Protein backbone atom coordinates (compact mmCIF):
# COMPACT_ATOMS: atom_id res chain seq x y z
CA MET A 1 -69.16 13.13 -13.73
CA ASP A 2 -66.92 10.38 -15.13
CA TRP A 3 -65.52 7.40 -13.22
CA THR A 4 -62.23 9.17 -12.38
CA THR A 5 -63.83 12.06 -10.45
CA THR A 6 -64.21 10.21 -7.15
CA LEU A 7 -60.73 8.67 -7.38
CA ARG A 8 -59.19 12.10 -8.02
CA ALA A 9 -60.95 13.50 -4.94
CA GLN A 10 -59.70 10.54 -2.88
CA GLN A 11 -56.20 11.13 -4.27
CA ASP A 12 -56.28 14.76 -3.10
CA ASP A 13 -57.22 13.57 0.40
CA PHE A 14 -54.50 10.91 0.28
CA ILE A 15 -51.82 13.47 -0.64
CA GLN A 16 -52.81 15.66 2.32
CA ARG A 17 -52.62 12.69 4.69
CA LEU A 18 -49.32 11.60 3.18
CA ARG A 19 -47.74 14.96 3.99
CA SER A 20 -48.85 14.64 7.60
CA GLY A 21 -47.71 11.02 7.87
CA GLN A 22 -51.22 9.55 8.23
CA PHE A 23 -52.03 6.70 5.90
CA LEU A 24 -53.62 3.25 5.80
CA HIS A 25 -51.45 0.24 6.58
CA TYR A 26 -52.65 -3.36 6.31
CA GLU A 27 -50.22 -6.25 6.42
CA ILE A 28 -52.56 -8.87 4.93
CA GLU A 29 -51.60 -9.70 1.34
CA GLY A 30 -54.23 -9.02 -1.29
CA GLN A 31 -55.76 -6.10 0.60
CA HIS A 32 -55.41 -2.45 -0.28
CA SER A 33 -52.81 -0.59 1.78
CA GLU A 34 -51.21 2.80 1.27
CA LEU A 35 -48.05 1.61 3.02
CA THR A 36 -46.05 -1.58 2.53
CA ILE A 37 -42.91 -2.39 4.57
CA ILE A 38 -40.25 -4.61 3.05
CA SER A 39 -37.46 -5.96 5.23
CA GLY A 40 -35.91 -9.21 6.51
CA GLU A 41 -35.82 -12.30 4.28
CA LYS A 42 -37.81 -10.72 1.45
CA LEU A 43 -35.37 -7.80 1.26
CA GLU A 44 -32.41 -10.21 1.35
CA LYS A 45 -33.87 -12.10 -1.61
CA LEU A 46 -34.21 -8.83 -3.52
CA ARG A 47 -30.64 -7.82 -2.72
CA ASP A 48 -29.25 -11.19 -3.83
CA PHE A 49 -31.05 -10.96 -7.16
CA CYS A 50 -29.90 -7.36 -7.72
CA TRP A 51 -26.27 -8.22 -6.94
CA GLU A 52 -26.43 -11.06 -9.47
CA MET A 53 -27.81 -8.64 -12.05
CA ALA A 54 -25.10 -6.11 -11.24
CA GLU A 55 -22.37 -8.71 -11.69
CA LYS A 56 -23.88 -10.01 -14.93
CA TYR A 57 -24.17 -6.59 -16.57
CA LYS A 58 -21.29 -4.70 -14.97
CA ARG A 59 -19.69 -4.11 -18.36
CA MET A 60 -22.68 -2.02 -19.41
CA SER A 61 -22.79 0.24 -16.32
CA SER A 62 -21.27 0.54 -12.87
CA VAL A 63 -22.06 -2.29 -10.45
CA LYS A 64 -23.60 0.12 -7.95
CA ASP A 65 -25.88 1.77 -10.51
CA VAL A 66 -27.13 -1.56 -11.83
CA PHE A 67 -27.75 -2.78 -8.27
CA ILE A 68 -29.71 0.30 -7.18
CA ASN A 69 -31.78 0.56 -10.36
CA ASN A 70 -32.75 -3.10 -10.16
CA LEU A 71 -33.53 -2.83 -6.43
CA LYS A 72 -35.84 0.14 -7.00
CA GLY A 73 -37.70 -1.75 -9.68
CA LYS A 74 -38.06 -4.95 -7.68
CA LEU A 75 -39.20 -3.10 -4.55
CA GLY A 76 -42.00 -1.58 -6.59
CA GLU A 77 -42.94 -4.92 -8.16
CA GLU A 78 -43.00 -6.67 -4.78
CA VAL A 79 -45.36 -4.02 -3.40
CA PHE A 80 -47.66 -4.43 -6.36
CA LYS A 81 -47.65 -8.23 -6.00
CA VAL A 82 -48.33 -8.03 -2.24
CA ARG A 83 -51.33 -5.78 -2.79
CA LEU A 84 -52.85 -7.66 -5.77
CA ALA A 85 -51.72 -11.16 -4.69
CA GLU A 86 -53.15 -13.97 -6.87
CA TYR A 87 -55.01 -11.48 -9.03
CA VAL A 88 -51.80 -10.85 -11.03
CA THR A 89 -48.84 -12.88 -12.26
CA GLU A 90 -45.66 -13.47 -10.24
CA VAL A 91 -42.72 -11.10 -9.94
CA ASP A 92 -40.27 -11.88 -12.74
CA TYR A 93 -36.83 -12.88 -11.43
CA GLU A 94 -35.36 -14.00 -14.74
CA LYS A 95 -31.95 -12.44 -15.41
CA ARG A 96 -32.53 -11.21 -18.96
CA LEU A 97 -30.72 -8.51 -20.85
CA GLY A 98 -33.24 -5.82 -21.77
CA GLY A 99 -35.64 -6.61 -18.94
CA ASP A 100 -39.17 -7.96 -19.06
CA GLY A 101 -40.32 -6.85 -22.49
CA LYS A 102 -41.85 -3.62 -21.10
CA VAL A 103 -44.63 -5.47 -19.25
CA ASP A 104 -44.14 -6.13 -15.52
CA PHE A 105 -47.39 -7.96 -14.76
CA THR A 106 -50.56 -9.23 -16.40
CA LEU A 107 -53.84 -10.30 -14.88
CA THR A 108 -53.84 -14.03 -14.15
CA SER A 109 -57.31 -14.23 -15.71
CA ASP A 110 -56.46 -12.12 -18.78
CA PRO A 111 -52.88 -12.02 -20.11
CA SER A 112 -53.85 -9.24 -22.54
CA VAL A 113 -54.06 -6.72 -19.64
CA GLY A 114 -50.52 -5.51 -18.91
CA ILE A 115 -49.42 -3.43 -15.92
CA GLN A 116 -46.22 -1.38 -15.77
CA VAL A 117 -44.80 -0.63 -12.30
CA LYS A 118 -42.58 2.37 -11.61
CA ALA A 119 -40.75 3.09 -8.33
CA ARG A 120 -39.16 6.43 -7.46
CA HIS A 121 -37.47 8.14 -4.50
CA GLY A 122 -37.30 11.86 -3.78
CA SER A 123 -39.48 14.72 -2.55
CA ILE A 124 -43.11 13.68 -2.93
CA ASP A 125 -43.94 17.14 -4.27
CA THR A 126 -41.43 16.99 -7.12
CA VAL A 127 -40.92 13.30 -7.92
CA ARG A 128 -42.01 12.21 -11.40
CA TRP A 129 -42.65 8.73 -12.78
CA SER A 130 -41.58 8.32 -16.42
CA ILE A 131 -43.05 5.91 -18.94
CA SER A 132 -42.01 5.29 -22.55
CA SER A 133 -44.31 5.25 -25.56
CA GLU A 134 -43.53 1.54 -25.98
CA GLU A 135 -44.61 0.86 -22.40
CA LEU A 136 -47.79 2.86 -22.97
CA GLU A 137 -48.53 0.77 -26.05
CA LYS A 138 -48.01 -2.57 -24.29
CA ASN A 139 -49.75 -1.88 -20.96
CA SER A 140 -53.21 -0.92 -19.78
CA VAL A 141 -52.20 0.62 -16.44
CA LEU A 142 -49.25 2.46 -14.90
CA PHE A 143 -48.81 1.72 -11.17
CA CYS A 144 -46.55 4.10 -9.21
CA VAL A 145 -44.86 3.68 -5.83
CA TRP A 146 -42.81 6.12 -3.78
CA ILE A 147 -39.89 4.82 -1.70
CA LYS A 148 -39.42 6.96 1.42
CA GLU A 149 -35.79 5.92 2.14
CA ASP A 150 -32.70 6.34 0.00
CA VAL A 151 -32.14 3.11 -1.92
CA SER A 152 -28.76 1.60 -1.06
CA GLU A 153 -27.06 -1.72 -0.33
CA ALA A 154 -27.07 -0.95 3.40
CA GLN A 155 -30.70 0.05 4.02
CA ALA A 156 -32.33 -2.49 6.36
CA GLU A 157 -35.99 -1.60 5.83
CA TYR A 158 -38.06 0.21 3.23
CA HIS A 159 -41.36 2.03 3.73
CA ILE A 160 -43.04 2.12 0.34
CA ILE A 161 -46.12 4.16 -0.48
CA THR A 162 -48.60 3.20 -3.20
CA ALA A 163 -48.64 6.61 -4.86
CA GLY A 164 -51.45 5.87 -7.32
CA PHE A 165 -52.26 4.51 -10.75
CA LEU A 166 -53.30 5.82 -14.14
CA PRO A 167 -54.78 4.10 -17.21
CA THR A 168 -52.31 4.31 -20.07
CA ASN A 169 -54.98 5.56 -22.48
CA ILE A 170 -55.34 8.70 -20.31
CA ILE A 171 -51.57 9.22 -20.46
CA GLN A 172 -51.53 8.62 -24.22
CA GLN A 173 -54.05 11.40 -24.76
CA LYS A 174 -51.54 13.84 -23.26
CA LEU A 175 -48.45 12.42 -24.97
CA ILE A 176 -47.10 14.83 -27.54
CA ILE A 177 -46.94 13.10 -30.91
CA GLY A 178 -43.30 12.42 -31.77
CA ASN A 179 -42.17 12.16 -28.15
CA HIS A 180 -40.92 8.78 -26.97
CA SER A 181 -41.76 9.20 -23.27
CA THR A 182 -43.70 11.26 -20.77
CA SER A 183 -43.95 11.56 -17.00
CA VAL A 184 -46.59 12.06 -14.31
CA THR A 185 -46.65 13.48 -10.78
CA ILE A 186 -48.57 12.20 -7.76
CA LYS A 187 -51.24 14.83 -8.45
CA ASP A 188 -51.84 13.29 -11.89
CA LEU A 189 -52.50 9.84 -10.45
CA LEU A 190 -55.74 8.22 -9.34
CA TYR A 191 -56.19 6.82 -5.83
CA CYS A 192 -54.97 3.23 -5.65
CA GLY A 193 -58.03 2.04 -3.75
CA GLY A 194 -59.83 1.95 -7.11
CA LEU A 195 -57.18 -0.09 -8.92
CA ARG A 196 -58.68 -3.56 -8.61
CA SER A 197 -62.10 -2.36 -9.76
CA HIS A 198 -60.54 -0.63 -12.75
CA LEU A 199 -58.57 -3.75 -13.70
CA ASN A 200 -61.83 -5.72 -13.60
CA THR A 201 -63.41 -3.17 -15.92
CA ILE A 202 -60.49 -3.33 -18.37
CA SER A 203 -60.61 -7.10 -18.46
CA ASP A 204 -64.34 -7.07 -19.13
CA TYR A 205 -63.88 -4.35 -21.75
CA LYS A 206 -61.25 -6.30 -23.67
CA LYS A 207 -63.15 -9.56 -23.54
CA CYS A 208 -65.33 -10.62 -26.41
CA LEU A 209 -68.96 -10.46 -25.28
CA ASN A 210 -70.15 -13.10 -27.72
CA THR A 211 -68.99 -15.12 -30.71
CA LEU A 212 -71.51 -15.92 -33.43
CA SER A 213 -70.74 -19.07 -35.40
CA GLY A 214 -72.63 -20.59 -38.31
CA HIS A 215 -71.06 -19.38 -41.54
CA SER A 216 -69.01 -21.92 -43.49
CA GLY A 217 -66.87 -19.25 -45.15
CA ALA A 218 -65.18 -15.94 -44.35
CA VAL A 219 -67.40 -13.21 -42.89
CA ASN A 220 -66.73 -10.24 -45.16
CA SER A 221 -69.22 -7.68 -43.85
CA VAL A 222 -71.34 -6.96 -40.78
CA ALA A 223 -74.03 -4.36 -40.07
CA ILE A 224 -76.14 -3.53 -36.99
CA SER A 225 -79.75 -2.31 -37.24
CA PRO A 226 -80.67 1.22 -36.09
CA ASN A 227 -82.46 -0.15 -33.00
CA GLY A 228 -79.37 -2.16 -32.02
CA LYS A 229 -81.27 -5.46 -31.88
CA ILE A 230 -80.27 -7.13 -35.14
CA ILE A 231 -76.95 -7.88 -36.79
CA ALA A 232 -76.56 -8.97 -40.43
CA SER A 233 -73.48 -10.73 -41.80
CA GLY A 234 -72.41 -11.44 -45.38
CA SER A 235 -70.08 -14.33 -46.13
CA SER A 236 -67.99 -16.08 -48.74
CA ASP A 237 -70.34 -19.04 -48.22
CA LYS A 238 -72.79 -17.05 -50.47
CA THR A 239 -75.27 -16.41 -47.63
CA ILE A 240 -76.44 -13.58 -45.40
CA LYS A 241 -77.32 -14.43 -41.81
CA ILE A 242 -79.58 -12.40 -39.55
CA TRP A 243 -78.83 -12.62 -35.81
CA ASN A 244 -80.31 -11.45 -32.54
CA LEU A 245 -77.54 -9.19 -31.25
CA THR A 246 -78.42 -9.70 -27.58
CA THR A 247 -78.72 -13.49 -27.53
CA GLY A 248 -76.53 -14.38 -30.52
CA ARG A 249 -79.31 -16.56 -31.95
CA ASN A 250 -79.39 -16.99 -35.74
CA ILE A 251 -82.86 -15.78 -36.73
CA ARG A 252 -82.65 -16.74 -40.42
CA THR A 253 -80.28 -17.35 -43.31
CA LEU A 254 -80.84 -15.63 -46.66
CA THR A 255 -79.80 -17.52 -49.79
CA GLY A 256 -79.86 -16.47 -53.42
CA HIS A 257 -76.39 -15.16 -54.25
CA SER A 258 -74.26 -17.48 -56.36
CA TRP A 259 -70.90 -16.17 -55.14
CA SER A 260 -69.28 -14.46 -52.14
CA VAL A 261 -71.24 -11.70 -50.39
CA PHE A 262 -68.84 -8.79 -49.86
CA SER A 263 -71.11 -6.15 -48.34
CA VAL A 264 -74.33 -5.84 -46.33
CA ALA A 265 -76.20 -2.71 -45.23
CA ILE A 266 -79.39 -2.02 -43.28
CA SER A 267 -81.66 0.92 -44.13
CA HIS A 268 -82.09 3.78 -41.67
CA ASP A 269 -85.67 2.76 -40.89
CA GLY A 270 -84.46 -0.78 -40.09
CA LYS A 271 -86.86 -2.41 -42.57
CA THR A 272 -84.62 -3.21 -45.53
CA LEU A 273 -81.36 -5.09 -46.05
CA ALA A 274 -79.09 -4.81 -49.10
CA SER A 275 -76.32 -7.22 -50.07
CA GLY A 276 -73.60 -6.87 -52.71
CA SER A 277 -71.84 -9.87 -54.18
CA ALA A 278 -69.12 -11.17 -56.46
CA ASP A 279 -71.95 -12.66 -58.54
CA GLU A 280 -72.39 -9.12 -59.95
CA THR A 281 -75.74 -8.49 -58.29
CA ILE A 282 -77.22 -6.45 -55.47
CA LYS A 283 -80.13 -8.03 -53.66
CA VAL A 284 -82.63 -6.08 -51.55
CA TRP A 285 -84.48 -7.93 -48.79
CA ASN A 286 -87.25 -7.36 -46.28
CA LEU A 287 -85.24 -7.53 -43.07
CA GLU A 288 -88.13 -8.66 -40.91
CA THR A 289 -89.44 -11.47 -43.13
CA GLY A 290 -86.38 -12.34 -45.24
CA GLU A 291 -88.40 -11.85 -48.46
CA LEU A 292 -86.33 -10.97 -51.54
CA LEU A 293 -87.66 -7.63 -52.87
CA HIS A 294 -85.31 -6.76 -55.74
CA THR A 295 -82.35 -8.17 -57.62
CA ILE A 296 -80.23 -5.51 -59.34
CA LEU A 297 -78.03 -6.84 -62.14
CA TYR A 298 -74.56 -5.40 -62.67
CA SER A 299 -71.68 -6.43 -64.88
CA PHE A 300 -69.01 -6.32 -62.18
CA THR A 301 -68.27 -7.38 -58.59
CA ILE A 302 -69.97 -5.30 -55.89
CA PHE A 303 -67.63 -4.45 -53.00
CA SER A 304 -69.72 -1.94 -51.08
CA VAL A 305 -73.38 -1.00 -50.56
CA THR A 306 -74.92 1.61 -48.28
CA PHE A 307 -78.30 3.31 -47.89
CA VAL A 308 -78.83 7.05 -48.33
CA PRO A 309 -80.28 8.45 -45.06
CA ASN A 310 -84.06 9.01 -45.03
CA LYS A 311 -84.49 8.14 -48.72
CA LYS A 312 -85.36 5.05 -50.75
CA LEU A 313 -81.93 5.24 -52.37
CA LEU A 314 -79.09 2.75 -52.36
CA LEU A 315 -75.47 3.63 -53.09
CA SER A 316 -73.14 0.96 -54.43
CA GLY A 317 -69.51 0.67 -55.50
CA GLY A 318 -67.49 -1.95 -57.32
CA PHE A 319 -65.29 -2.72 -60.27
CA GLY A 320 -66.63 -1.25 -63.48
CA LYS A 321 -68.53 1.85 -62.37
CA GLU A 322 -67.27 4.23 -59.73
CA PHE A 323 -70.59 4.18 -57.90
CA ALA A 324 -74.29 4.05 -58.64
CA PHE A 325 -77.42 5.45 -57.02
CA TRP A 326 -80.41 3.11 -57.12
CA ASP A 327 -83.93 4.42 -56.58
CA LEU A 328 -85.58 1.44 -54.92
CA GLU A 329 -89.10 2.73 -55.57
CA GLU A 330 -88.78 3.60 -59.25
CA GLY A 331 -86.02 1.16 -60.22
CA ARG A 332 -83.88 3.91 -61.81
CA PHE A 333 -80.16 4.43 -61.28
CA SER A 334 -77.54 7.09 -61.98
CA SER A 335 -73.82 6.44 -61.94
CA GLY A 336 -70.47 8.13 -61.72
CA PRO A 337 -67.37 7.72 -63.92
CA ILE A 338 -66.17 4.23 -64.91
CA ILE A 339 -63.38 3.58 -62.42
CA GLY A 340 -63.12 0.73 -59.91
CA VAL A 341 -64.42 1.47 -56.41
CA THR A 342 -63.62 -0.59 -53.31
CA SER A 343 -65.60 1.25 -50.63
CA VAL A 344 -68.33 3.89 -50.36
CA SER A 345 -69.62 5.96 -47.45
CA ILE A 346 -72.20 8.71 -47.05
CA SER A 347 -72.55 11.40 -44.39
CA GLY A 348 -75.36 11.37 -41.84
CA ASP A 349 -77.33 14.04 -43.70
CA GLY A 350 -76.83 12.33 -47.07
CA GLN A 351 -75.09 15.38 -48.56
CA ILE A 352 -71.55 14.02 -48.93
CA ILE A 353 -70.35 10.83 -50.61
CA ALA A 354 -66.85 9.40 -50.27
CA ASN A 355 -65.43 6.51 -52.21
CA GLY A 356 -62.11 4.74 -52.05
CA ARG A 357 -60.52 3.26 -55.14
CA GLY A 358 -58.14 0.48 -55.99
CA ASP A 359 -55.53 3.00 -57.16
CA GLY A 360 -55.24 4.63 -53.70
CA ILE A 361 -57.36 7.69 -54.53
CA ILE A 362 -60.35 8.97 -52.50
CA GLN A 363 -63.02 11.05 -54.20
CA ILE A 364 -65.62 13.26 -52.50
CA TYR A 365 -68.94 14.07 -54.19
CA CYS A 366 -72.24 15.76 -53.49
CA PRO A 367 -75.29 13.76 -54.66
CA GLY A 368 -76.54 16.66 -56.78
CA SER A 369 -73.31 17.01 -58.77
CA LEU A 370 -71.92 13.57 -59.52
CA GLY A 371 -69.68 14.94 -62.27
CA LYS A 372 -67.77 17.14 -59.83
CA SER A 373 -65.46 15.80 -57.15
CA ARG A 374 -62.58 16.58 -54.86
CA THR A 375 -59.67 14.18 -54.72
CA PHE A 376 -57.61 13.13 -51.70
CA VAL A 377 -54.35 11.32 -52.36
CA GLY A 378 -52.28 9.77 -49.61
CA HIS A 379 -52.35 5.97 -49.58
CA SER A 380 -49.73 4.01 -51.46
CA GLY A 381 -51.96 1.06 -52.27
CA TRP A 382 -55.50 -0.26 -52.49
CA ILE A 383 -58.05 1.59 -50.34
CA SER A 384 -60.07 -1.04 -48.51
CA SER A 385 -62.42 1.18 -46.50
CA VAL A 386 -63.65 4.77 -46.11
CA ALA A 387 -65.89 6.14 -43.36
CA LEU A 388 -67.52 9.55 -43.03
CA SER A 389 -68.41 10.96 -39.64
CA LEU A 390 -72.10 11.59 -39.01
CA ASN A 391 -71.48 15.35 -38.91
CA GLY A 392 -69.79 15.23 -42.32
CA GLN A 393 -66.63 16.94 -41.11
CA ILE A 394 -64.18 14.03 -40.87
CA LEU A 395 -63.21 11.22 -43.25
CA ALA A 396 -61.24 8.13 -42.29
CA SER A 397 -59.56 5.98 -44.94
CA ALA A 398 -57.70 2.69 -44.66
CA GLY A 399 -55.65 0.67 -47.05
CA SER A 400 -53.28 -2.09 -47.96
CA ASP A 401 -50.34 0.15 -46.94
CA LYS A 402 -51.18 -0.73 -43.28
CA THR A 403 -52.17 2.86 -42.44
CA ILE A 404 -55.26 4.85 -41.54
CA LYS A 405 -55.57 8.48 -42.54
CA ILE A 406 -57.90 11.03 -40.94
CA TRP A 407 -58.93 13.95 -43.18
CA ASN A 408 -60.61 17.31 -42.64
CA LEU A 409 -63.34 17.30 -45.29
CA ASN A 410 -63.65 21.07 -45.37
CA THR A 411 -59.98 21.79 -46.04
CA GLY A 412 -58.70 18.50 -47.46
CA GLU A 413 -55.95 18.51 -44.82
CA MET A 414 -54.73 15.17 -43.49
CA LEU A 415 -55.13 15.51 -39.72
CA GLN A 416 -53.67 12.22 -38.53
CA LEU A 417 -51.66 9.29 -39.85
CA LEU A 418 -52.40 6.23 -37.71
CA THR A 419 -49.87 3.42 -37.72
CA GLY A 420 -49.91 0.34 -35.53
CA HIS A 421 -51.44 -2.43 -37.60
CA THR A 422 -48.85 -4.81 -39.01
CA ASP A 423 -50.82 -5.80 -42.10
CA SER A 424 -53.43 -4.36 -44.44
CA VAL A 425 -56.18 -2.38 -42.70
CA GLU A 426 -59.45 -3.89 -43.91
CA SER A 427 -62.18 -1.75 -42.34
CA VAL A 428 -62.76 1.49 -40.41
CA ALA A 429 -65.79 2.86 -38.56
CA ILE A 430 -66.41 6.16 -36.74
CA SER A 431 -68.51 6.27 -33.56
CA PRO A 432 -71.80 8.21 -33.62
CA ASP A 433 -70.37 10.86 -31.27
CA CYS A 434 -67.46 11.38 -33.70
CA GLN A 435 -64.89 10.82 -30.94
CA THR A 436 -63.66 7.29 -31.62
CA LEU A 437 -62.36 5.33 -34.60
CA VAL A 438 -62.37 1.54 -34.80
CA SER A 439 -60.19 -0.32 -37.30
CA SER A 440 -59.68 -3.95 -38.25
CA SER A 441 -56.82 -5.59 -40.05
CA SER A 442 -55.39 -8.64 -41.73
CA ASP A 443 -53.14 -8.83 -38.65
CA SER A 444 -56.20 -10.35 -36.86
CA THR A 445 -56.66 -7.40 -34.48
CA ILE A 446 -59.13 -4.60 -33.90
CA LYS A 447 -57.80 -1.26 -32.72
CA ILE A 448 -59.66 1.59 -31.02
CA TRP A 449 -58.31 5.14 -31.51
CA ASN A 450 -59.07 8.66 -30.35
CA LEU A 451 -60.29 10.17 -33.61
CA TYR A 452 -58.92 13.66 -32.95
CA THR A 453 -55.61 12.99 -31.20
CA GLY A 454 -54.75 9.82 -33.10
CA GLN A 455 -53.81 8.04 -29.89
CA LEU A 456 -54.32 4.28 -29.73
CA LEU A 457 -56.71 3.48 -26.87
CA LYS A 458 -57.12 -0.30 -27.02
CA THR A 459 -56.24 -3.36 -29.08
CA LEU A 460 -58.78 -6.19 -29.17
CA SER A 461 -57.56 -9.69 -29.96
CA GLY A 462 -59.65 -12.79 -30.38
CA HIS A 463 -60.08 -13.56 -34.06
CA SER A 464 -57.79 -16.21 -35.53
CA GLY A 465 -57.62 -14.66 -39.00
CA GLU A 466 -58.01 -11.45 -40.99
CA VAL A 467 -60.74 -9.18 -39.61
CA LYS A 468 -62.58 -8.05 -42.74
CA SER A 469 -65.24 -5.77 -41.25
CA VAL A 470 -66.09 -3.70 -38.17
CA PHE A 471 -69.32 -1.88 -37.37
CA ILE A 472 -70.24 0.36 -34.40
CA SER A 473 -73.79 0.17 -33.06
CA PRO A 474 -75.94 3.32 -33.39
CA ASP A 475 -75.76 3.93 -29.62
CA GLY A 476 -71.95 3.76 -29.72
CA GLN A 477 -71.78 0.96 -27.14
CA ILE A 478 -71.05 -2.16 -29.21
CA ILE A 479 -68.56 -3.22 -31.90
CA ALA A 480 -69.31 -6.09 -34.25
CA SER A 481 -66.48 -7.67 -36.24
CA GLY A 482 -66.40 -10.26 -39.02
CA SER A 483 -63.41 -12.40 -39.92
CA ILE A 484 -62.11 -15.03 -42.32
CA ASP A 485 -62.16 -17.34 -39.28
CA LYS A 486 -65.91 -17.64 -40.16
CA THR A 487 -67.11 -15.92 -36.97
CA ILE A 488 -68.68 -12.64 -35.88
CA LYS A 489 -67.51 -11.28 -32.54
CA ILE A 490 -69.31 -8.77 -30.34
CA TRP A 491 -67.28 -6.36 -28.19
CA ARG A 492 -68.08 -3.56 -25.75
CA LEU A 493 -67.01 -0.09 -26.89
CA GLY A 494 -68.83 2.20 -24.44
């Protein structure tokens, strides 16, 4: 049973009571009420504002239409403000062409949480509240009210019902790709008594749980241990830092590279750490003690390292060779063709390898046949990151063309093209349950997507520079991100 089940049951009860005229009514501001009455001086203030708007924009539409449309909107906003009080920002009475930028309110404690208010009149069984794709993108919640009376310049009193609310990510999951708007009925909504609690949850969800500071250069790569207790970070300051994920304490700093560390990875047993650097080496460390175990010499920059599941094998990629397998017990390696590689990923069972290249091409291999590959072409620039799902069925790729592409590995079909970042996409990660994709970008944001529908679920802001790396914890609950602002941030995903 998910968190919406109880609110949907309460909404069904509310609809039955609404039809019989029995609902909760509290006049105290800031308290939940199913009914709000607006009349007297407050209604006069609304009318005055709406007449001014009608006069100002009468050349664009009839005075009456502008007046009524504005009055409907402001009635809904006033109800929302009365019920949430100081918890949200004030009603906007600026007379701007084009409205309020598609966001009616934000939380006073968190301006990143937007709320869109919609007011409608008509039969409660047939009325629909519409919301545009732009409004869905900019807001976290849709709040709907139903006005019982006809809206006109002569009406002396309005009885307004809080019809319900709905998180915009739920609406986005049902939005048909290519459509610019959608609509909901009262049966689609959740009971408004749960609104404040949900807004608290959203605010907590979008907040950074912790910020880890200590590097003196850009954080280029982050990795979380299989037990979820340790995070490793590689930096342009030539060091790797090991942190306690829960407390944020720096456990130790590993030194030895002579240039920027571009990639870090932790083995599946949680005992070993690998780091790849611009100094043309890979170093292998004991994660628990910090002891340097091996130094592997290359003749080119290493951009990506990853461990092969359940084996003492390390996979690397960089300029010079396409990728190389390193046997950490015997010290042997085997390599692919000599073409520059920017990112490597391996499936959960170790049977599929994907690499992204600087020429925009993705190649798929099986470890037993390195000379044979399938090629995916779709990006128009440098591929910065590839990620395979644990089940080996889905591949995500990201690049300098600002896009993310989702591929079916079995058929080679591109399933989704994700757009939304405004600069190069630097890193992608797929959740362990294969339902969610996380991306980071040079636009300083992290975005969370539904892997199968391609719908954007959340945008996380907090870094002050390019976000070079994202990593999802093995339990799917935590995101770690590393940025050129020299910090690692910890976020809640689950």
